[in-house]
Amino acid sequence: MNTVYLDNAATSFPKPQGVSDRMKYYLDCVGANVNRSVYTAAQEAGLVTLTLRQRLARLFRFPEPPTHVILTPGATFALNTLISGLLRPGDHCVVSGMEHNAVMRPLLRLPEVSVSRLPCDSEGFADIAALPGLLRDNTKLVVMAHGSNVCGTVQDAEAIGRICADRGVPFALDAAQTAGHLPIDFSALHLSALAVPGHKGLLGPGGTGALLLRDDLAQRLTPLTAGGTGSASDSEYLPDYLPDKFESGTANLPGYYGWEAALRFVEETGVPALREHEMALCSRFLQGLEDIPHVRLCGTRDLSRRVGVISVDFLRRDNAEAAYALETEYGILTRCGLHCAPSAHRTLGTFPQGTVRFSLGFASTEADVDAALHAIRALA
């Protein structure tokens, strides 16, 4: 039985051609660390790492120098760096009712930091008009998921960012489900920080990510880790300049080689073209669901306000049972459950049963969508 991979919201698969080749090339032919030596292989690794930062800065129209693109083991690490590095006892933070645990768990382990949740409607859209009333004198951060990993709903980040900028509150975006899926302009969204994973819409390998930081915010953050950076080796104190301040230890250089190749593919293809392909498939999927009884679509049908993350609630059978049957009987690979986002499922009315999530990627096809719809119809 052939399989149809529709779990790109968890991680993209397959990767673009050349990604694994570049990782193997590093392991077989380079092998050197960065910032530690000056021989040719080490210089090459340093150049690839710099090129990776530059590609990310271009992709997100980031106004700061590439040094302010902090490379991390993933978006979760990036969000922890931001949240734990910025907030102090007595501070206040605002999130939405659609957050992933990559935001909520770092926040809720800071018991002396208060958290307000911006309410969202039944499709997952934030009530932006309510945001000014939540901001306080001690509000030090507004951080939100740009696109929902449960239902694909995309927030109006520009409107939220404008309110934050007017009040002088840093605004950070968790772009785990939107980076590479739709254009993101750091300045136009009034961002102070942007957290992205390398392995989802940016099509790189696992264990990669980045935190893009405006300089004024970067100066206020306490790093999560400290150790060797290969720089300022005459001192036992952590350097205070970027990116070294936030990048202690040995970098994931095989991952960086692969991610740099993936970003080259994203740049050459163009995010608008990737989005057009994804939205054409999303439209086909949503239209196909319309006449299937006993299933509920979660989130919006408005293609201009979503990404290709589609959650279905089976009304006459257990969702986990449906997901198992999708794989074992039809070869459709999905993700079932609460998707590390219990707050989002409460907002959408799918807690505690969760949903079955189908998520599209650059390699998805019309045949994949049709196979999924056929299976859903048979199981519903």
Protein backbone atom coordinates (compact mmCIF):
# COMPACT_ATOMS: atom_id res chain seq x y z
CA MET A 1 0.00 0.00 0.00
CA ASN A 2 1.33 3.43 -0.95
CA THR A 3 1.40 6.07 1.75
CA VAL A 4 0.29 9.69 1.52
CA TYR A 5 2.18 12.02 3.85
CA LEU A 6 -0.12 14.74 5.19
CA ASP A 7 1.67 15.65 8.42
CA ASN A 8 3.74 18.60 7.25
CA ALA A 9 2.65 20.71 10.22
CA ALA A 10 4.72 18.33 12.35
CA THR A 11 7.67 18.31 9.95
CA SER A 12 7.97 18.70 6.20
CA PHE A 13 8.54 15.57 4.12
CA PRO A 14 10.08 14.96 1.71
CA LYS A 15 12.81 17.59 1.80
CA PRO A 16 13.89 19.35 -1.40
CA GLN A 17 16.50 17.58 -3.46
CA GLY A 18 20.00 18.42 -2.30
CA VAL A 19 19.27 18.91 1.41
CA SER A 20 20.51 15.50 2.53
CA ASP A 21 23.39 15.68 0.02
CA ARG A 22 24.67 18.85 1.65
CA MET A 23 24.42 17.32 5.12
CA LYS A 24 26.35 14.27 3.97
CA TYR A 25 28.92 16.51 2.28
CA TYR A 26 29.56 18.30 5.57
CA LEU A 27 29.92 15.05 7.50
CA ASP A 28 32.11 13.34 4.87
CA CYS A 29 34.20 16.23 3.55
CA VAL A 30 34.20 19.19 5.97
CA GLY A 31 33.69 18.13 9.58
CA ALA A 32 35.11 21.31 11.09
CA ASN A 33 33.56 23.52 13.75
CA VAL A 34 33.00 27.26 13.37
CA ASN A 35 34.71 30.07 15.30
CA ARG A 36 37.31 27.64 16.65
CA SER A 37 39.89 27.44 13.88
CA VAL A 38 41.10 29.27 10.78
CA TYR A 39 41.95 26.43 8.43
CA THR A 40 40.06 26.14 5.14
CA ALA A 41 37.37 23.67 6.22
CA ALA A 42 36.49 25.77 9.27
CA GLN A 43 36.30 28.89 7.13
CA GLU A 44 33.97 27.12 4.72
CA ALA A 45 31.69 26.06 7.57
CA GLY A 46 31.68 29.63 8.85
CA LEU A 47 30.74 30.95 5.42
CA VAL A 48 27.83 28.50 5.08
CA THR A 49 26.58 29.54 8.52
CA LEU A 50 26.80 33.22 7.55
CA THR A 51 24.97 32.52 4.27
CA LEU A 52 22.24 30.77 6.23
CA ARG A 53 21.76 33.85 8.43
CA GLN A 54 21.72 36.10 5.36
CA ARG A 55 19.10 33.97 3.62
CA LEU A 56 16.86 34.11 6.69
CA ALA A 57 17.30 37.88 6.98
CA ARG A 58 16.32 38.34 3.31
CA LEU A 59 13.40 35.97 3.51
CA PHE A 60 11.78 37.83 6.41
CA ARG A 61 12.89 41.33 5.34
CA PHE A 62 14.74 41.60 8.61
CA PRO A 63 16.20 45.11 9.10
CA GLU A 64 18.98 44.16 11.53
CA PRO A 65 22.37 42.70 10.50
CA PRO A 66 22.72 38.91 10.10
CA THR A 67 24.38 38.75 13.52
CA HIS A 68 20.91 39.28 14.98
CA VAL A 69 19.66 36.07 13.37
CA ILE A 70 20.26 33.69 16.26
CA LEU A 71 20.50 30.05 15.19
CA THR A 72 18.80 27.63 17.58
CA PRO A 73 17.89 23.92 17.83
CA GLY A 74 14.33 24.83 16.86
CA ALA A 75 11.45 27.27 17.36
CA THR A 76 10.78 25.93 20.86
CA PHE A 77 14.31 26.79 21.95
CA ALA A 78 13.94 30.20 20.31
CA LEU A 79 10.72 30.91 22.21
CA ASN A 80 12.28 29.75 25.48
CA THR A 81 15.24 32.06 24.84
CA LEU A 82 12.86 34.96 24.38
CA ILE A 83 10.37 34.27 27.16
CA SER A 84 12.76 33.10 29.88
CA GLY A 85 15.40 35.59 28.86
CA LEU A 86 13.12 38.63 28.99
CA LEU A 87 10.43 38.21 31.63
CA ARG A 88 11.10 38.87 35.31
CA PRO A 89 8.99 38.52 38.49
CA GLY A 90 6.19 41.07 38.42
CA ASP A 91 6.09 41.29 34.62
CA HIS A 92 2.98 40.70 32.54
CA CYS A 93 2.64 38.92 29.19
CA VAL A 94 -0.24 38.68 26.71
CA VAL A 95 -0.91 35.62 24.54
CA SER A 96 -3.89 34.48 22.49
CA GLY A 97 -6.33 31.68 23.13
CA MET A 98 -4.73 29.67 20.31
CA GLU A 99 -1.23 29.11 21.66
CA HIS A 100 0.99 26.07 21.33
CA ASN A 101 2.73 24.69 24.41
CA ALA A 102 6.01 26.03 23.02
CA VAL A 103 4.71 29.39 24.28
CA MET A 104 2.53 28.36 27.21
CA ARG A 105 4.89 25.99 29.01
CA PRO A 106 7.82 28.44 29.20
CA LEU A 107 5.38 31.10 30.43
CA LEU A 108 3.60 29.00 33.03
CA ARG A 109 6.82 27.84 34.63
CA LEU A 110 7.40 31.50 35.58
CA PRO A 111 4.85 31.71 38.42
CA GLU A 112 5.66 35.33 39.26
CA VAL A 113 4.87 36.45 35.70
CA SER A 114 1.17 37.10 35.07
CA VAL A 115 -0.42 36.05 31.78
CA SER A 116 -3.53 37.37 30.01
CA ARG A 117 -5.14 35.55 27.11
CA LEU A 118 -6.60 37.51 24.23
CA PRO A 119 -9.91 35.78 23.46
CA CYS A 120 -10.49 34.16 20.08
CA ASP A 121 -13.69 33.25 18.26
CA SER A 122 -14.85 29.78 17.24
CA GLU A 123 -12.68 29.89 14.08
CA GLY A 124 -9.58 30.81 16.09
CA PHE A 125 -9.34 34.51 15.20
CA ALA A 126 -8.17 36.82 17.97
CA ASP A 127 -10.44 39.62 19.18
CA ILE A 128 -7.94 42.35 18.32
CA ALA A 129 -10.23 45.10 19.64
CA ALA A 130 -9.79 43.60 23.11
CA LEU A 131 -6.00 43.81 23.05
CA PRO A 132 -5.55 47.45 24.23
CA GLY A 133 -7.61 46.69 27.32
CA LEU A 134 -5.27 43.84 28.25
CA LEU A 135 -2.07 45.86 28.08
CA ARG A 136 -0.74 47.14 31.40
CA ASP A 137 2.11 49.32 32.57
CA ASN A 138 4.05 46.14 33.41
CA THR A 139 3.30 44.34 30.11
CA LYS A 140 6.72 43.39 28.83
CA LEU A 141 5.77 41.09 25.95
CA VAL A 142 2.96 40.14 23.59
CA VAL A 143 3.69 36.77 21.96
CA MET A 144 1.34 34.85 19.69
CA ALA A 145 1.14 32.03 17.21
CA HIS A 146 0.95 33.55 13.73
CA GLY A 147 -0.83 30.50 12.29
CA SER A 148 -2.61 27.83 14.27
CA ASN A 149 -1.01 24.40 14.25
CA VAL A 150 -4.47 22.96 14.92
CA CYS A 151 -6.71 24.54 12.28
CA GLY A 152 -4.51 26.80 10.12
CA THR A 153 -6.14 30.11 11.13
CA VAL A 154 -3.73 33.03 10.56
CA GLN A 155 -3.89 36.04 12.88
CA ASP A 156 -3.79 39.64 11.67
CA ALA A 157 -0.26 40.14 12.95
CA GLU A 158 0.08 43.59 11.39
CA ALA A 159 -2.90 44.96 13.34
CA ILE A 160 -1.67 43.36 16.56
CA GLY A 161 1.86 44.64 15.98
CA ARG A 162 0.63 48.17 15.34
CA ILE A 163 -1.17 48.26 18.70
CA CYS A 164 1.93 46.94 20.46
CA ALA A 165 4.18 49.47 18.73
CA ASP A 166 1.89 52.34 19.73
CA ARG A 167 2.10 51.22 23.35
CA GLY A 168 5.83 50.47 23.28
CA VAL A 169 5.36 46.76 24.05
CA PRO A 170 7.60 44.20 22.30
CA PHE A 171 5.65 41.95 19.94
CA ALA A 172 6.95 38.47 19.12
CA LEU A 173 5.56 36.05 16.60
CA ASP A 174 5.69 32.26 16.74
CA ALA A 175 5.84 31.52 13.01
CA ALA A 176 6.08 27.75 13.30
CA GLN A 177 3.20 27.24 10.85
CA THR A 178 3.65 30.30 8.63
CA ALA A 179 7.38 30.63 7.92
CA GLY A 180 7.81 29.44 4.34
CA HIS A 181 4.04 29.18 3.88
CA LEU A 182 3.25 32.87 3.48
CA PRO A 183 5.32 36.06 3.15
CA ILE A 184 6.44 37.59 6.46
CA ASP A 185 7.85 41.11 6.63
CA PHE A 186 9.49 41.70 10.02
CA SER A 187 9.22 45.50 9.91
CA ALA A 188 5.74 45.68 8.36
CA LEU A 189 4.41 43.50 11.20
CA HIS A 190 6.08 45.77 13.81
CA LEU A 191 7.94 42.81 15.28
CA SER A 192 10.56 42.80 17.97
CA ALA A 193 11.22 39.06 17.61
CA LEU A 194 10.38 36.24 15.22
CA ALA A 195 10.77 32.55 16.08
CA VAL A 196 10.92 30.03 13.23
CA PRO A 197 11.61 26.30 12.92
CA GLY A 198 13.90 25.10 10.17
CA HIS A 199 12.19 21.76 9.56
CA LYS A 200 8.61 22.77 8.68
CA GLY A 201 7.71 25.27 5.96
CA LEU A 202 11.37 26.22 5.56
CA LEU A 203 11.99 22.59 4.50
CA GLY A 204 15.24 21.98 6.36
CA PRO A 205 16.25 19.11 8.66
CA GLY A 206 15.15 18.69 12.25
CA GLY A 207 17.09 20.32 15.05
CA THR A 208 17.28 23.71 13.31
CA GLY A 209 15.56 27.01 13.97
CA ALA A 210 16.16 30.70 14.47
CA LEU A 211 15.24 33.67 16.60
CA LEU A 212 15.39 37.01 14.78
CA LEU A 213 15.86 39.81 17.31
CA ARG A 214 15.59 43.56 17.07
CA ASP A 215 18.70 45.02 18.69
CA ASP A 216 16.97 46.84 21.55
CA LEU A 217 15.27 43.61 22.63
CA ALA A 218 18.41 41.51 22.18
CA GLN A 219 20.27 43.73 24.64
CA ARG A 220 17.63 43.00 27.30
CA LEU A 221 17.67 39.20 27.03
CA THR A 222 19.55 36.92 29.39
CA PRO A 223 20.83 33.87 27.44
CA LEU A 224 19.47 30.44 28.34
CA THR A 225 22.90 28.85 28.06
CA ALA A 226 26.49 29.91 28.60
CA GLY A 227 29.73 28.29 27.55
CA GLY A 228 32.33 28.23 24.84
CA THR A 229 31.68 30.33 21.76
CA GLY A 230 35.12 30.25 20.16
CA SER A 231 35.31 34.00 20.72
CA ALA A 232 36.66 36.12 23.59
CA SER A 233 38.52 33.06 24.83
CA ASP A 234 40.62 35.18 27.16
CA SER A 235 37.56 35.73 29.37
CA GLU A 236 35.44 33.41 31.49
CA TYR A 237 32.47 35.69 30.96
CA LEU A 238 30.02 35.22 28.12
CA PRO A 239 30.47 37.71 25.27
CA ASP A 240 27.72 40.34 25.15
CA TYR A 241 27.77 40.73 21.36
CA LEU A 242 25.61 38.88 18.87
CA PRO A 243 25.25 36.13 17.82
CA ASP A 244 27.83 34.72 20.26
CA LYS A 245 25.82 35.86 23.30
CA PHE A 246 23.11 33.32 22.44
CA GLU A 247 25.05 30.56 20.68
CA SER A 248 27.23 28.78 23.21
CA GLY A 249 28.44 25.29 22.42
CA THR A 250 28.90 23.35 19.21
CA ALA A 251 26.53 24.26 16.41
CA ASN A 252 24.40 21.78 14.45
CA LEU A 253 26.52 22.19 11.35
CA PRO A 254 25.15 19.21 9.39
CA GLY A 255 21.74 20.74 9.99
CA TYR A 256 22.91 24.19 8.92
CA TYR A 257 24.34 22.85 5.67
CA GLY A 258 21.05 21.12 4.93
CA TRP A 259 18.95 24.10 5.97
CA GLU A 260 20.96 26.50 3.85
CA ALA A 261 20.28 24.30 0.83
CA ALA A 262 16.58 24.16 1.69
CA LEU A 263 16.41 27.95 1.99
CA ARG A 264 18.05 28.26 -1.40
CA PHE A 265 15.16 26.19 -2.77
CA VAL A 266 12.61 28.37 -0.94
CA GLU A 267 14.23 31.55 -2.29
CA GLU A 268 14.44 30.29 -5.85
CA THR A 269 10.89 28.91 -5.86
CA GLY A 270 9.47 31.92 -4.02
CA VAL A 271 7.19 31.89 -1.01
CA PRO A 272 4.27 33.31 -3.06
CA ALA A 273 4.53 30.36 -5.48
CA LEU A 274 4.72 27.88 -2.60
CA ARG A 275 1.65 29.48 -1.04
CA GLU A 276 -0.27 29.44 -4.32
CA HIS A 277 0.34 25.71 -4.67
CA GLU A 278 -0.63 25.02 -1.07
CA MET A 279 -3.79 27.13 -1.22
CA ALA A 280 -4.95 25.46 -4.45
CA LEU A 281 -4.72 22.11 -2.68
CA CYS A 282 -6.32 23.54 0.46
CA SER A 283 -9.25 24.84 -1.60
CA ARG A 284 -9.69 21.41 -3.18
CA PHE A 285 -9.63 19.78 0.26
CA LEU A 286 -12.13 22.19 1.82
CA GLN A 287 -14.51 21.90 -1.12
CA GLY A 288 -14.32 18.13 -0.92
CA LEU A 289 -15.25 18.17 2.76
CA GLU A 290 -18.43 20.17 2.16
CA ASP A 291 -20.61 17.24 1.15
CA ILE A 292 -19.15 14.63 3.50
CA PRO A 293 -21.59 14.03 6.36
CA HIS A 294 -20.71 13.53 10.02
CA VAL A 295 -17.39 15.41 9.96
CA ARG A 296 -16.77 18.93 11.19
CA LEU A 297 -14.12 21.25 9.80
CA CYS A 298 -12.36 23.32 12.46
CA GLY A 299 -11.24 26.82 11.61
CA THR A 300 -11.99 29.10 8.70
CA ARG A 301 -12.82 28.41 5.05
CA ASP A 302 -11.38 31.80 4.06
CA LEU A 303 -8.23 30.89 2.11
CA SER A 304 -6.78 34.37 2.53
CA ARG A 305 -6.73 33.92 6.30
CA ARG A 306 -5.34 30.42 6.70
CA VAL A 307 -2.55 28.01 5.84
CA GLY A 308 -2.86 24.40 4.71
CA VAL A 309 -3.45 22.91 8.15
CA ILE A 310 -6.86 21.22 8.12
CA SER A 311 -8.44 19.71 11.22
CA VAL A 312 -11.42 17.36 11.02
CA ASP A 313 -13.57 16.20 13.90
CA PHE A 314 -15.27 12.87 13.17
CA LEU A 315 -18.70 13.16 14.79
CA ARG A 316 -19.73 9.49 14.75
CA ARG A 317 -16.49 7.74 15.62
CA ASP A 318 -13.47 8.24 17.83
CA ASN A 319 -10.90 10.50 16.16
CA ALA A 320 -7.99 8.29 17.20
CA GLU A 321 -9.76 5.28 15.72
CA ALA A 322 -10.32 7.24 12.51
CA ALA A 323 -6.66 8.28 12.32
CA TYR A 324 -5.56 4.67 12.83
CA ALA A 325 -7.87 3.52 10.05
CA LEU A 326 -6.64 6.29 7.76
CA GLU A 327 -3.13 4.87 8.07
CA THR A 328 -3.74 1.15 8.19
CA GLU A 329 -6.55 0.94 5.62
CA TYR A 330 -5.74 3.84 3.30
CA GLY A 331 -2.09 4.79 3.87
CA ILE A 332 -2.97 8.38 4.86
CA LEU A 333 -0.50 9.72 7.46
CA THR A 334 -2.00 12.37 9.74
CA ARG A 335 -1.74 13.55 13.32
CA CYS A 336 -4.54 12.95 15.79
CA GLY A 337 -5.05 14.41 19.25
CA LEU A 338 -4.58 17.78 20.91
CA HIS A 339 -1.45 18.77 18.97
CA CYS A 340 0.36 20.25 22.01
CA ALA A 341 -2.22 23.06 21.97
CA PRO A 342 -4.96 22.41 24.56
CA SER A 343 -5.87 26.10 24.71
CA ALA A 344 -6.52 26.14 20.96
CA HIS A 345 -8.73 23.06 21.19
CA ARG A 346 -10.72 24.62 24.03
CA THR A 347 -11.23 27.69 21.86
CA LEU A 348 -12.35 25.60 18.90
CA GLY A 349 -14.63 23.37 20.97
CA THR A 350 -12.64 20.21 20.32
CA PHE A 351 -11.30 19.56 23.81
CA PRO A 352 -10.77 16.88 25.02
CA GLN A 353 -11.45 14.70 21.96
CA GLY A 354 -9.02 16.57 19.70
CA THR A 355 -9.11 16.31 15.93
CA VAL A 356 -7.52 14.51 13.01
CA ARG A 357 -5.12 16.95 11.34
CA PHE A 358 -4.19 16.87 7.66
CA SER A 359 -1.38 19.29 6.74
CA LEU A 360 -0.18 20.09 3.24
CA GLY A 361 3.33 20.76 1.97
CA PHE A 362 5.23 21.77 -1.14
CA ALA A 363 5.36 18.15 -2.34
CA SER A 364 1.65 17.44 -1.78
CA THR A 365 -0.45 16.75 -4.87
CA GLU A 366 -4.07 16.77 -5.99
CA ALA A 367 -3.95 12.98 -5.90
CA ASP A 368 -2.94 13.14 -2.23
CA VAL A 369 -5.90 15.38 -1.44
CA ASP A 370 -8.30 13.17 -3.37
CA ALA A 371 -7.03 10.06 -1.60
CA ALA A 372 -7.56 11.73 1.79
CA LEU A 373 -11.08 12.85 0.88
CA HIS A 374 -11.96 9.35 -0.35
CA ALA A 375 -10.77 7.88 2.94
CA ILE A 376 -12.59 10.46 5.07
CA ARG A 377 -15.83 9.80 3.19
CA ALA A 378 -15.49 6.06 3.70
CA LEU A 379 -14.77 6.42 7.41
CA ALA A 380 -17.26 9.17 8.27
